[in-house]
N, C-alpha and C. Protein backbone atom coordinates (compact mmCIF):
# COMPACT_ATOMS: atom_id res chain seq x y z
N MET A 1 114.71 123.57 119.99
CA MET A 1 113.75 122.47 119.97
C MET A 1 113.11 122.37 121.34
N SER A 2 111.81 122.20 121.38
CA SER A 2 111.12 122.12 122.66
C SER A 2 111.27 120.73 123.26
N ALA A 3 111.00 120.65 124.53
CA ALA A 3 111.13 119.38 125.24
C ALA A 3 110.07 118.37 124.80
N THR A 4 108.94 118.85 124.27
CA THR A 4 107.88 117.92 123.88
C THR A 4 108.01 117.42 122.45
N ALA A 5 108.75 118.08 121.60
CA ALA A 5 108.84 117.70 120.19
C ALA A 5 109.34 116.27 119.99
N PRO A 6 110.44 115.84 120.65
CA PRO A 6 110.90 114.47 120.43
C PRO A 6 109.87 113.43 120.88
N ALA A 7 109.18 113.68 121.97
CA ALA A 7 108.19 112.73 122.45
C ALA A 7 107.03 112.60 121.46
N GLU A 8 106.58 113.72 120.89
CA GLU A 8 105.50 113.67 119.91
C GLU A 8 105.93 112.89 118.68
N HIS A 9 107.15 113.13 118.23
CA HIS A 9 107.66 112.43 117.05
C HIS A 9 107.79 110.94 117.33
N ALA A 10 108.28 110.59 118.50
CA ALA A 10 108.45 109.18 118.86
C ALA A 10 107.08 108.48 118.90
N THR A 11 106.06 109.18 119.40
CA THR A 11 104.73 108.61 119.46
C THR A 11 104.22 108.33 118.06
N THR A 12 104.40 109.27 117.13
CA THR A 12 103.97 109.09 115.75
C THR A 12 104.70 107.90 115.12
N GLU A 13 106.00 107.82 115.33
CA GLU A 13 106.75 106.69 114.78
C GLU A 13 106.25 105.37 115.37
N SER A 14 105.97 105.37 116.63
CA SER A 14 105.49 104.17 117.29
C SER A 14 104.17 103.71 116.68
N LYS A 15 103.26 104.63 116.44
CA LYS A 15 101.98 104.29 115.84
C LYS A 15 102.17 103.77 114.41
N GLU A 16 103.02 104.44 113.66
CA GLU A 16 103.29 104.02 112.28
C GLU A 16 103.92 102.63 112.25
N ASP A 17 104.89 102.42 113.12
CA ASP A 17 105.56 101.11 113.19
C ASP A 17 104.59 100.02 113.60
N ARG A 18 103.70 100.33 114.55
CA ARG A 18 102.71 99.36 115.01
C ARG A 18 101.78 98.96 113.86
N LEU A 19 101.32 99.94 113.09
CA LEU A 19 100.44 99.65 111.96
C LEU A 19 101.18 98.89 110.86
N ARG A 20 102.39 99.30 110.55
CA ARG A 20 103.18 98.62 109.51
C ARG A 20 103.42 97.15 109.90
N THR A 21 103.76 96.89 111.15
CA THR A 21 103.98 95.52 111.61
C THR A 21 102.71 94.70 111.49
N TYR A 22 101.59 95.27 111.88
CA TYR A 22 100.30 94.59 111.77
C TYR A 22 99.99 94.25 110.31
N LEU A 23 100.20 95.20 109.41
CA LEU A 23 99.91 94.98 107.99
C LEU A 23 100.82 93.90 107.40
N HIS A 24 102.10 93.92 107.78
CA HIS A 24 103.03 92.87 107.31
C HIS A 24 102.55 91.50 107.75
N ARG A 25 102.19 91.39 109.00
CA ARG A 25 101.75 90.10 109.54
C ARG A 25 100.49 89.60 108.83
N ARG A 26 99.53 90.48 108.63
CA ARG A 26 98.27 90.08 107.99
C ARG A 26 98.43 89.80 106.50
N ALA A 27 99.33 90.53 105.82
CA ALA A 27 99.50 90.37 104.37
C ALA A 27 100.51 89.28 104.01
N ALA A 28 101.10 88.65 104.99
CA ALA A 28 102.12 87.62 104.73
C ALA A 28 101.56 86.46 103.91
N ASP A 29 100.28 86.15 104.08
CA ASP A 29 99.67 85.03 103.35
C ASP A 29 98.97 85.47 102.07
N GLY A 30 99.07 86.73 101.73
CA GLY A 30 98.41 87.25 100.54
C GLY A 30 97.79 88.60 100.83
N GLU A 31 97.13 89.16 99.85
CA GLU A 31 96.56 90.49 100.02
C GLU A 31 95.43 90.50 101.05
N ILE A 32 95.25 91.65 101.68
CA ILE A 32 94.16 91.82 102.63
C ILE A 32 93.36 93.06 102.26
N TYR A 33 92.13 93.05 102.61
CA TYR A 33 91.24 94.20 102.45
C TYR A 33 90.66 94.50 103.83
N PHE A 34 90.63 95.77 104.20
CA PHE A 34 90.08 96.10 105.51
C PHE A 34 89.63 97.55 105.56
N LYS A 35 88.82 97.84 106.55
CA LYS A 35 88.42 99.20 106.88
C LYS A 35 89.04 99.51 108.23
N GLY A 36 89.54 100.73 108.38
CA GLY A 36 90.22 101.12 109.61
C GLY A 36 89.38 100.88 110.85
N LYS A 37 88.09 101.10 110.76
CA LYS A 37 87.24 100.94 111.94
C LYS A 37 87.18 99.50 112.42
N PHE A 38 87.49 98.54 111.55
CA PHE A 38 87.44 97.14 111.96
C PHE A 38 88.76 96.62 112.52
N ILE A 39 89.85 97.34 112.32
CA ILE A 39 91.14 96.90 112.88
C ILE A 39 91.63 97.82 113.99
N SER A 40 90.87 98.86 114.30
CA SER A 40 91.34 99.86 115.27
C SER A 40 91.66 99.25 116.63
N ASP A 41 90.84 98.32 117.10
CA ASP A 41 91.14 97.67 118.38
C ASP A 41 92.39 96.81 118.29
N ASP A 42 92.61 96.16 117.15
CA ASP A 42 93.78 95.29 116.98
C ASP A 42 95.10 96.06 117.07
N VAL A 43 95.12 97.29 116.55
CA VAL A 43 96.36 98.07 116.52
C VAL A 43 96.39 99.19 117.55
N GLY A 44 95.30 99.38 118.28
CA GLY A 44 95.26 100.40 119.32
C GLY A 44 95.28 101.82 118.78
N LEU A 45 94.67 102.02 117.61
CA LEU A 45 94.60 103.34 116.99
C LEU A 45 93.16 103.65 116.63
N THR A 46 92.85 104.92 116.49
CA THR A 46 91.51 105.29 116.04
C THR A 46 91.42 105.10 114.53
N PRO A 47 90.23 104.93 114.00
CA PRO A 47 90.09 104.84 112.54
C PRO A 47 90.67 106.06 111.82
N LYS A 48 90.54 107.23 112.42
CA LYS A 48 91.10 108.44 111.82
C LYS A 48 92.63 108.37 111.76
N GLU A 49 93.25 107.89 112.84
CA GLU A 49 94.71 107.74 112.85
C GLU A 49 95.15 106.72 111.81
N ILE A 50 94.40 105.62 111.70
CA ILE A 50 94.74 104.59 110.71
C ILE A 50 94.67 105.17 109.30
N GLY A 51 93.61 105.92 109.01
CA GLY A 51 93.47 106.53 107.69
C GLY A 51 94.64 107.44 107.35
N ALA A 52 95.03 108.29 108.30
CA ALA A 52 96.15 109.21 108.07
C ALA A 52 97.46 108.44 107.87
N LEU A 53 97.67 107.41 108.68
CA LEU A 53 98.89 106.62 108.55
C LEU A 53 98.92 105.79 107.27
N MET A 54 97.76 105.32 106.82
CA MET A 54 97.70 104.55 105.57
C MET A 54 98.12 105.42 104.39
N VAL A 55 97.68 106.67 104.38
CA VAL A 55 98.09 107.59 103.30
C VAL A 55 99.60 107.81 103.36
N LYS A 56 100.12 107.99 104.57
CA LYS A 56 101.56 108.20 104.74
C LYS A 56 102.34 106.97 104.29
N LEU A 57 101.90 105.79 104.70
CA LEU A 57 102.58 104.56 104.29
C LEU A 57 102.50 104.33 102.79
N ARG A 58 101.34 104.65 102.20
CA ARG A 58 101.16 104.49 100.76
C ARG A 58 102.11 105.38 99.98
N ASP A 59 102.35 106.58 100.48
CA ASP A 59 103.18 107.56 99.78
C ASP A 59 104.66 107.46 100.12
N THR A 60 105.03 106.55 101.01
CA THR A 60 106.41 106.37 101.42
C THR A 60 106.94 105.07 100.84
N PRO A 61 108.12 105.08 100.23
CA PRO A 61 108.67 103.83 99.70
C PRO A 61 108.85 102.80 100.83
N ASN A 62 108.27 101.64 100.66
CA ASN A 62 108.42 100.55 101.62
C ASN A 62 108.06 99.25 100.91
N ASP A 63 108.03 98.16 101.64
CA ASP A 63 107.77 96.87 101.00
C ASP A 63 106.30 96.46 101.06
N LEU A 64 105.41 97.44 101.22
CA LEU A 64 103.98 97.19 101.16
C LEU A 64 103.39 97.90 99.95
N THR A 65 102.45 97.25 99.29
CA THR A 65 101.68 97.90 98.24
C THR A 65 100.34 98.24 98.85
N ILE A 66 100.02 99.53 98.90
CA ILE A 66 98.80 99.99 99.55
C ILE A 66 97.96 100.76 98.56
N GLU A 67 96.70 100.36 98.43
CA GLU A 67 95.77 101.03 97.52
C GLU A 67 94.49 101.38 98.26
N LYS A 68 93.98 102.55 97.95
CA LYS A 68 92.64 102.90 98.40
C LYS A 68 91.71 102.14 97.48
N TRP A 69 90.95 101.20 98.00
CA TRP A 69 90.20 100.29 97.15
C TRP A 69 88.79 100.79 96.85
N SER A 70 88.04 101.15 97.87
CA SER A 70 86.68 101.64 97.66
C SER A 70 86.24 102.46 98.86
N TYR A 71 85.10 103.10 98.72
CA TYR A 71 84.55 103.87 99.83
C TYR A 71 83.06 103.58 99.93
N THR A 72 82.69 102.89 100.98
CA THR A 72 81.29 102.66 101.32
C THR A 72 81.20 102.77 102.83
N SER A 73 80.79 103.92 103.30
CA SER A 73 80.70 104.26 104.72
C SER A 73 82.06 104.38 105.41
N ALA A 74 83.12 103.98 104.77
CA ALA A 74 84.50 104.15 105.25
C ALA A 74 85.41 103.64 104.14
N THR A 75 86.64 104.11 104.12
CA THR A 75 87.59 103.68 103.10
C THR A 75 87.98 102.22 103.31
N THR A 76 87.96 101.46 102.24
CA THR A 76 88.48 100.10 102.26
C THR A 76 89.88 100.16 101.65
N TRP A 77 90.84 99.56 102.33
CA TRP A 77 92.23 99.54 101.87
C TRP A 77 92.58 98.14 101.41
N ARG A 78 93.40 98.08 100.36
CA ARG A 78 93.96 96.81 99.87
C ARG A 78 95.44 96.87 100.14
N VAL A 79 95.96 95.85 100.82
CA VAL A 79 97.40 95.82 101.16
C VAL A 79 97.98 94.47 100.77
N SER A 80 99.14 94.52 100.15
CA SER A 80 99.88 93.30 99.82
C SER A 80 101.36 93.59 99.99
N LEU A 81 102.15 92.55 100.09
CA LEU A 81 103.59 92.73 100.16
C LEU A 81 104.11 93.02 98.76
N ALA A 82 105.00 93.98 98.66
CA ALA A 82 105.53 94.37 97.35
C ALA A 82 106.49 93.35 96.80
């Protein structure tokens, strides 16, 4: 295993955890709809990173329900607590 592999993995987990925490907080009062480009500053991620992580979170068992809702100039996501 290379010396950089654990750091890269930790960074990915950190980004995923940051996004998951943000989604939990926002969806606590009910479902939310958003585009990655509008929350990128809030979570410190690029819209591209958010899109990739949303697919990963959607396909991973967790306590969030994530749906690709629509596409108009960017993907709109619907998130609610499961």
